[in-house]
N, C-alpha and C. Protein backbone atom coordinates (compact mmCIF):
# COMPACT_ATOMS: atom_id res chain seq x y z
N MET A 1 5.06 45.46 4.03
CA MET A 1 4.87 45.71 2.61
C MET A 1 3.97 46.93 2.42
N LYS A 2 2.93 47.00 3.24
CA LYS A 2 2.01 48.13 3.14
C LYS A 2 2.74 49.43 3.48
N LYS A 3 3.54 49.39 4.51
CA LYS A 3 4.28 50.57 4.95
C LYS A 3 5.27 51.01 3.87
N ASP A 4 5.97 50.05 3.27
CA ASP A 4 6.93 50.38 2.20
C ASP A 4 6.23 51.01 1.00
N ALA A 5 5.06 50.46 0.63
CA ALA A 5 4.33 51.02 -0.51
C ALA A 5 3.88 52.44 -0.22
N GLU A 6 3.44 52.69 0.99
CA GLU A 6 2.97 54.04 1.34
C GLU A 6 4.12 55.02 1.42
N GLU A 7 5.29 54.60 1.94
CA GLU A 7 6.42 55.51 2.08
C GLU A 7 7.16 55.74 0.76
N GLU A 8 7.45 54.67 0.02
CA GLU A 8 8.26 54.80 -1.18
C GLU A 8 7.45 55.21 -2.41
N LEU A 9 6.26 54.64 -2.56
CA LEU A 9 5.46 54.92 -3.75
C LEU A 9 4.39 55.98 -3.51
N MET A 10 4.18 56.31 -2.25
CA MET A 10 3.18 57.31 -1.84
C MET A 10 1.79 56.95 -2.35
N VAL A 11 1.42 55.69 -2.17
CA VAL A 11 0.07 55.23 -2.51
C VAL A 11 -0.51 54.52 -1.31
N SER A 12 -1.80 54.54 -1.21
CA SER A 12 -2.50 53.87 -0.13
C SER A 12 -3.04 52.54 -0.64
N VAL A 13 -2.62 51.47 -0.01
CA VAL A 13 -3.09 50.13 -0.39
C VAL A 13 -3.65 49.43 0.83
N SER A 14 -4.59 48.54 0.59
CA SER A 14 -5.18 47.79 1.70
C SER A 14 -4.29 46.60 2.04
N ILE A 15 -4.49 46.07 3.22
CA ILE A 15 -3.72 44.91 3.66
C ILE A 15 -4.06 43.70 2.80
N TYR A 16 -5.30 43.62 2.29
CA TYR A 16 -5.72 42.49 1.44
C TYR A 16 -4.99 42.50 0.10
N LYS A 17 -4.78 43.69 -0.46
CA LYS A 17 -4.02 43.78 -1.71
C LYS A 17 -2.57 43.37 -1.48
N CYS A 18 -2.02 43.74 -0.35
CA CYS A 18 -0.64 43.34 -0.03
C CYS A 18 -0.54 41.82 0.10
N LYS A 19 -1.51 41.20 0.74
CA LYS A 19 -1.49 39.74 0.88
C LYS A 19 -1.63 39.06 -0.47
N ARG A 20 -2.49 39.59 -1.33
CA ARG A 20 -2.68 39.02 -2.66
C ARG A 20 -1.41 39.14 -3.50
N VAL A 21 -0.75 40.29 -3.44
CA VAL A 21 0.48 40.49 -4.19
C VAL A 21 1.58 39.57 -3.66
N LYS A 22 1.65 39.42 -2.34
CA LYS A 22 2.66 38.54 -1.75
C LYS A 22 2.44 37.10 -2.21
N ARG A 23 1.19 36.64 -2.23
CA ARG A 23 0.88 35.28 -2.69
C ARG A 23 1.28 35.09 -4.14
N LEU A 24 1.00 36.09 -4.98
CA LEU A 24 1.36 36.00 -6.40
C LEU A 24 2.88 35.97 -6.58
N ILE A 25 3.60 36.74 -5.78
CA ILE A 25 5.05 36.75 -5.87
C ILE A 25 5.62 35.40 -5.44
N VAL A 26 5.13 34.86 -4.33
CA VAL A 26 5.62 33.56 -3.84
C VAL A 26 5.31 32.46 -4.85
N GLU A 27 4.11 32.47 -5.43
CA GLU A 27 3.78 31.47 -6.44
C GLU A 27 4.66 31.61 -7.67
N GLY A 28 5.00 32.83 -8.02
CA GLY A 28 5.88 33.04 -9.17
C GLY A 28 7.29 32.55 -8.92
N LEU A 29 7.77 32.72 -7.69
CA LEU A 29 9.12 32.27 -7.36
C LEU A 29 9.20 30.76 -7.15
N GLU A 30 8.27 30.21 -6.40
CA GLU A 30 8.32 28.80 -6.04
C GLU A 30 7.47 27.93 -6.95
N GLY A 31 6.58 28.51 -7.68
CA GLY A 31 5.64 27.72 -8.48
C GLY A 31 4.44 27.36 -7.62
N SER A 32 3.35 27.20 -8.23
CA SER A 32 2.13 26.86 -7.51
C SER A 32 2.14 25.39 -7.12
N TYR A 33 1.56 25.06 -5.98
CA TYR A 33 1.51 23.66 -5.57
C TYR A 33 0.67 22.84 -6.53
N ILE A 34 -0.25 23.45 -7.23
CA ILE A 34 -1.04 22.74 -8.24
C ILE A 34 -0.14 22.30 -9.38
N ASP A 35 0.80 23.14 -9.79
CA ASP A 35 1.76 22.75 -10.83
C ASP A 35 2.59 21.56 -10.38
N GLU A 36 2.97 21.54 -9.11
CA GLU A 36 3.77 20.43 -8.59
C GLU A 36 2.98 19.13 -8.63
N PHE A 37 1.71 19.16 -8.27
CA PHE A 37 0.89 17.95 -8.34
C PHE A 37 0.72 17.48 -9.77
N ASN A 38 0.71 18.41 -10.73
CA ASN A 38 0.62 18.01 -12.14
C ASN A 38 1.88 17.27 -12.59
N HIS A 39 3.02 17.58 -12.01
CA HIS A 39 4.26 16.89 -12.35
C HIS A 39 4.35 15.52 -11.67
N LEU A 40 3.49 15.27 -10.71
CA LEU A 40 3.55 14.02 -9.95
C LEU A 40 3.28 12.81 -10.84
N GLU A 41 2.40 12.94 -11.81
CA GLU A 41 2.09 11.82 -12.70
C GLU A 41 3.32 11.46 -13.55
N THR A 42 4.02 12.46 -14.05
CA THR A 42 5.25 12.22 -14.81
C THR A 42 6.31 11.57 -13.93
N TYR A 43 6.41 12.03 -12.69
CA TYR A 43 7.37 11.45 -11.74
C TYR A 43 7.06 9.98 -11.48
N CYS A 44 5.79 9.65 -11.32
CA CYS A 44 5.40 8.26 -11.09
C CYS A 44 5.75 7.39 -12.29
N ASN A 45 5.52 7.88 -13.49
CA ASN A 45 5.86 7.11 -14.68
C ASN A 45 7.36 6.86 -14.78
N GLU A 46 8.16 7.86 -14.43
CA GLU A 46 9.61 7.68 -14.45
C GLU A 46 10.06 6.69 -13.38
N LEU A 47 9.41 6.72 -12.22
CA LEU A 47 9.76 5.75 -11.17
C LEU A 47 9.44 4.33 -11.62
N ARG A 48 8.33 4.14 -12.28
CA ARG A 48 7.96 2.82 -12.77
C ARG A 48 8.98 2.28 -13.77
N LYS A 49 9.50 3.18 -14.63
CA LYS A 49 10.50 2.76 -15.63
C LYS A 49 11.85 2.46 -15.00
N SER A 50 12.30 3.30 -14.08
CA SER A 50 13.66 3.21 -13.56
C SER A 50 13.80 2.31 -12.33
N ASN A 51 12.73 2.01 -11.63
CA ASN A 51 12.78 1.19 -10.42
C ASN A 51 11.84 0.00 -10.57
N MET A 52 12.29 -0.99 -11.32
CA MET A 52 11.45 -2.16 -11.55
C MET A 52 11.16 -2.87 -10.23
N GLY A 53 9.93 -3.27 -10.05
CA GLY A 53 9.52 -3.96 -8.82
C GLY A 53 9.00 -3.02 -7.75
N SER A 54 9.12 -1.73 -7.96
CA SER A 54 8.61 -0.76 -6.99
C SER A 54 7.11 -0.58 -7.18
N TYR A 55 6.42 -0.29 -6.10
CA TYR A 55 4.99 0.00 -6.16
C TYR A 55 4.80 1.52 -6.20
N VAL A 56 4.22 2.00 -7.27
CA VAL A 56 3.92 3.42 -7.41
C VAL A 56 2.47 3.51 -7.85
N PHE A 57 1.65 4.15 -7.04
CA PHE A 57 0.23 4.24 -7.32
C PHE A 57 -0.20 5.69 -7.19
N LEU A 58 -0.86 6.20 -8.20
CA LEU A 58 -1.38 7.57 -8.20
C LEU A 58 -2.84 7.52 -8.59
N GLU A 59 -3.68 8.12 -7.79
CA GLU A 59 -5.11 8.17 -8.09
C GLU A 59 -5.55 9.62 -8.22
N LEU A 60 -6.31 9.88 -9.26
CA LEU A 60 -6.88 11.20 -9.47
C LEU A 60 -8.34 11.17 -9.07
N SER A 61 -8.88 12.31 -8.71
CA SER A 61 -10.26 12.43 -8.27
C SER A 61 -11.21 12.07 -9.41
N LYS A 62 -12.13 11.14 -9.13
CA LYS A 62 -13.08 10.71 -10.16
C LYS A 62 -14.08 11.82 -10.51
N GLU A 63 -14.48 12.60 -9.51
CA GLU A 63 -15.42 13.69 -9.77
C GLU A 63 -14.80 14.74 -10.67
N ALA A 64 -13.53 15.04 -10.42
CA ALA A 64 -12.84 16.03 -11.25
C ALA A 64 -12.61 15.50 -12.66
N LEU A 65 -12.31 14.21 -12.80
CA LEU A 65 -12.12 13.63 -14.13
C LEU A 65 -13.41 13.68 -14.94
N ASP A 66 -14.55 13.50 -14.26
CA ASP A 66 -15.84 13.60 -14.95
C ASP A 66 -16.06 15.00 -15.50
N ASN A 67 -15.49 16.01 -14.82
CA ASN A 67 -15.62 17.40 -15.27
C ASN A 67 -14.48 17.83 -16.19
N GLY A 68 -13.61 16.89 -16.56
CA GLY A 68 -12.52 17.21 -17.47
C GLY A 68 -11.30 17.80 -16.81
N LYS A 69 -11.18 17.68 -15.50
CA LYS A 69 -10.01 18.22 -14.79
C LYS A 69 -9.21 17.07 -14.19
N ARG A 70 -7.93 17.32 -13.93
CA ARG A 70 -7.06 16.33 -13.31
C ARG A 70 -6.70 16.85 -11.92
N VAL A 71 -7.30 16.25 -10.89
CA VAL A 71 -7.09 16.69 -9.52
C VAL A 71 -6.53 15.52 -8.71
N PHE A 72 -5.45 15.77 -7.99
CA PHE A 72 -4.79 14.76 -7.16
C PHE A 72 -5.74 14.26 -6.08
N SER A 73 -5.75 12.93 -5.86
CA SER A 73 -6.54 12.35 -4.80
C SER A 73 -5.65 11.64 -3.78
N ARG A 74 -4.84 10.66 -4.24
CA ARG A 74 -3.94 9.97 -3.33
C ARG A 74 -2.76 9.39 -4.08
N TRP A 75 -1.68 9.10 -3.33
CA TRP A 75 -0.43 8.63 -3.90
C TRP A 75 0.23 7.67 -2.93
N TYR A 76 0.81 6.59 -3.46
CA TYR A 76 1.50 5.58 -2.65
C TYR A 76 2.81 5.23 -3.33
N LEU A 77 3.89 5.08 -2.55
CA LEU A 77 5.20 4.76 -3.09
C LEU A 77 5.93 3.81 -2.16
N CYS A 78 6.41 2.71 -2.73
CA CYS A 78 7.26 1.77 -2.01
C CYS A 78 8.35 1.32 -2.98
N PHE A 79 9.58 1.77 -2.75
CA PHE A 79 10.69 1.39 -3.60
C PHE A 79 11.02 -0.09 -3.40
N ASN A 80 11.40 -0.76 -4.48
CA ASN A 80 11.76 -2.17 -4.40
C ASN A 80 12.97 -2.38 -3.49
N ALA A 81 13.92 -1.47 -3.54
CA ALA A 81 15.11 -1.57 -2.69
C ALA A 81 14.73 -1.48 -1.21
N ALA A 82 13.81 -0.61 -0.88
CA ALA A 82 13.37 -0.48 0.52
C ALA A 82 12.63 -1.73 0.96
N LYS A 83 11.82 -2.27 0.08
CA LYS A 83 11.04 -3.47 0.39
C LYS A 83 11.95 -4.67 0.63
N THR A 84 12.89 -4.91 -0.29
CA THR A 84 13.79 -6.06 -0.12
C THR A 84 14.78 -5.81 1.02
N GLY A 85 15.21 -4.58 1.23
CA GLY A 85 16.10 -4.26 2.34
C GLY A 85 15.45 -4.52 3.68
N TRP A 86 14.17 -4.22 3.79
CA TRP A 86 13.45 -4.48 5.04
C TRP A 86 13.33 -5.98 5.28
N LYS A 87 13.05 -6.73 4.21
CA LYS A 87 12.90 -8.18 4.35
C LYS A 87 14.21 -8.83 4.77
N VAL A 88 15.34 -8.31 4.28
CA VAL A 88 16.64 -8.93 4.53
C VAL A 88 17.26 -8.47 5.84
N GLY A 89 17.21 -7.17 6.14
CA GLY A 89 18.02 -6.66 7.24
C GLY A 89 17.30 -6.03 8.40
N CYS A 90 15.98 -6.08 8.44
CA CYS A 90 15.25 -5.43 9.53
C CYS A 90 14.45 -6.43 10.34
N ARG A 91 14.03 -5.99 11.49
CA ARG A 91 13.18 -6.81 12.34
C ARG A 91 11.80 -6.95 11.70
N PRO A 92 11.13 -8.06 11.92
CA PRO A 92 9.83 -8.28 11.26
C PRO A 92 8.69 -7.52 11.93
N ILE A 93 8.88 -6.23 12.10
CA ILE A 93 7.87 -5.37 12.72
C ILE A 93 7.68 -4.16 11.80
N ILE A 94 6.44 -3.81 11.55
CA ILE A 94 6.13 -2.62 10.76
C ILE A 94 5.34 -1.66 11.63
N GLY A 95 5.79 -0.44 11.68
CA GLY A 95 5.06 0.61 12.38
C GLY A 95 4.49 1.60 11.39
N ALA A 96 3.47 2.28 11.80
CA ALA A 96 2.83 3.28 10.93
C ALA A 96 2.82 4.62 11.66
N ASP A 97 3.01 5.67 10.90
CA ASP A 97 2.97 7.01 11.45
C ASP A 97 2.30 7.92 10.44
N GLY A 98 1.69 8.94 10.91
CA GLY A 98 1.02 9.88 10.01
C GLY A 98 1.13 11.30 10.51
N THR A 99 1.01 12.22 9.58
CA THR A 99 1.04 13.63 9.92
C THR A 99 0.16 14.40 8.94
N PHE A 100 -0.32 15.52 9.39
CA PHE A 100 -1.14 16.36 8.54
C PHE A 100 -0.24 17.34 7.78
N LEU A 101 -0.46 17.44 6.48
CA LEU A 101 0.24 18.43 5.68
C LEU A 101 -0.62 19.68 5.65
N LYS A 102 -0.08 20.78 6.08
CA LYS A 102 -0.86 21.99 6.21
C LYS A 102 -0.66 22.89 5.01
N ALA A 103 -0.93 24.14 5.14
CA ALA A 103 -0.85 25.16 4.09
C ALA A 103 -1.88 24.85 3.02
N ASN A 104 -1.51 24.97 1.75
CA ASN A 104 -2.48 24.81 0.67
C ASN A 104 -2.80 23.36 0.35
N ALA A 105 -1.90 22.43 0.64
CA ALA A 105 -2.09 21.04 0.23
C ALA A 105 -3.22 20.37 1.00
N ARG A 106 -3.31 20.55 2.28
CA ARG A 106 -4.34 19.95 3.11
C ARG A 106 -4.48 18.46 2.84
N ALA A 107 -3.47 17.71 3.21
CA ALA A 107 -3.46 16.26 3.00
C ALA A 107 -2.92 15.58 4.25
N ILE A 108 -2.93 14.25 4.22
CA ILE A 108 -2.37 13.46 5.30
C ILE A 108 -1.27 12.58 4.70
N MET A 109 -0.09 12.58 5.32
CA MET A 109 1.00 11.73 4.87
C MET A 109 1.16 10.59 5.87
N LEU A 110 1.06 9.37 5.36
CA LEU A 110 1.23 8.17 6.17
C LEU A 110 2.52 7.47 5.76
N THR A 111 3.25 6.94 6.73
CA THR A 111 4.49 6.23 6.44
C THR A 111 4.47 4.88 7.12
N ALA A 112 5.07 3.89 6.46
CA ALA A 112 5.31 2.58 7.06
C ALA A 112 6.80 2.50 7.34
N ILE A 113 7.13 2.20 8.59
CA ILE A 113 8.54 2.17 8.99
C ILE A 113 8.86 0.86 9.68
N GLY A 114 10.12 0.47 9.60
CA GLY A 114 10.62 -0.70 10.30
C GLY A 114 11.80 -0.31 11.16
N LEU A 115 12.29 -1.25 11.94
CA LEU A 115 13.46 -1.04 12.78
C LEU A 115 14.60 -1.90 12.26
N ASP A 116 15.78 -1.26 12.06
CA ASP A 116 16.93 -2.04 11.63
C ASP A 116 17.64 -2.62 12.86
N ALA A 117 18.79 -3.24 12.65
CA ALA A 117 19.51 -3.91 13.73
C ALA A 117 20.03 -2.94 14.79
N ASN A 118 20.22 -1.67 14.43
CA ASN A 118 20.71 -0.67 15.38
C ASN A 118 19.58 0.17 15.97
N ASN A 119 18.35 -0.31 15.91
CA ASN A 119 17.15 0.41 16.38
C ASN A 119 16.93 1.72 15.65
N GLY A 120 17.43 1.82 14.44
CA GLY A 120 17.20 2.99 13.61
C GLY A 120 15.93 2.80 12.79
N LEU A 121 15.30 3.91 12.47
CA LEU A 121 14.08 3.84 11.66
C LEU A 121 14.43 3.56 10.20
N TYR A 122 13.65 2.73 9.57
CA TYR A 122 13.86 2.32 8.19
C TYR A 122 12.56 2.57 7.43
N LEU A 123 12.58 3.52 6.53
CA LEU A 123 11.38 3.87 5.78
C LEU A 123 11.06 2.80 4.74
N ILE A 124 9.85 2.28 4.78
CA ILE A 124 9.43 1.23 3.86
C ILE A 124 8.55 1.80 2.76
N ALA A 125 7.55 2.58 3.14
CA ALA A 125 6.60 3.10 2.16
C ALA A 125 6.04 4.43 2.63
N VAL A 126 5.52 5.22 1.65
CA VAL A 126 4.92 6.53 1.93
C VAL A 126 3.62 6.62 1.16
N GLY A 127 2.62 7.17 1.81
CA GLY A 127 1.34 7.41 1.14
C GLY A 127 0.82 8.79 1.51
N ILE A 128 0.21 9.46 0.54
CA ILE A 128 -0.38 10.77 0.78
C ILE A 128 -1.82 10.72 0.30
N THR A 129 -2.72 11.14 1.15
CA THR A 129 -4.13 11.16 0.79
C THR A 129 -4.78 12.45 1.19
């Protein structure tokens, strides 16, 4: 990007300005991850309405709420269909797995999984903290 700006526009720019412009362009195209977390509360409300019996839990940061801001803290989701499907058709074993979400989110995603009759993984619940 720096090379293109210097050759085509004949201006000298620093690498830091190029990185900042690239970040702004990517956020403009994909949307900021903060905007996505703001939509999470609406998504949870829709899940509660459309999937009766499902567990949907969203917690916002208490410190941020005291300052008048809405900041994501943790989220848990277990669809009723997944819960009843596990009870009916899977082995009575629950495994847990987790992974770190990198980039800007900096969170941990935990999953509860079961095994079906064909030794396939069956997702029961997801949590992000």
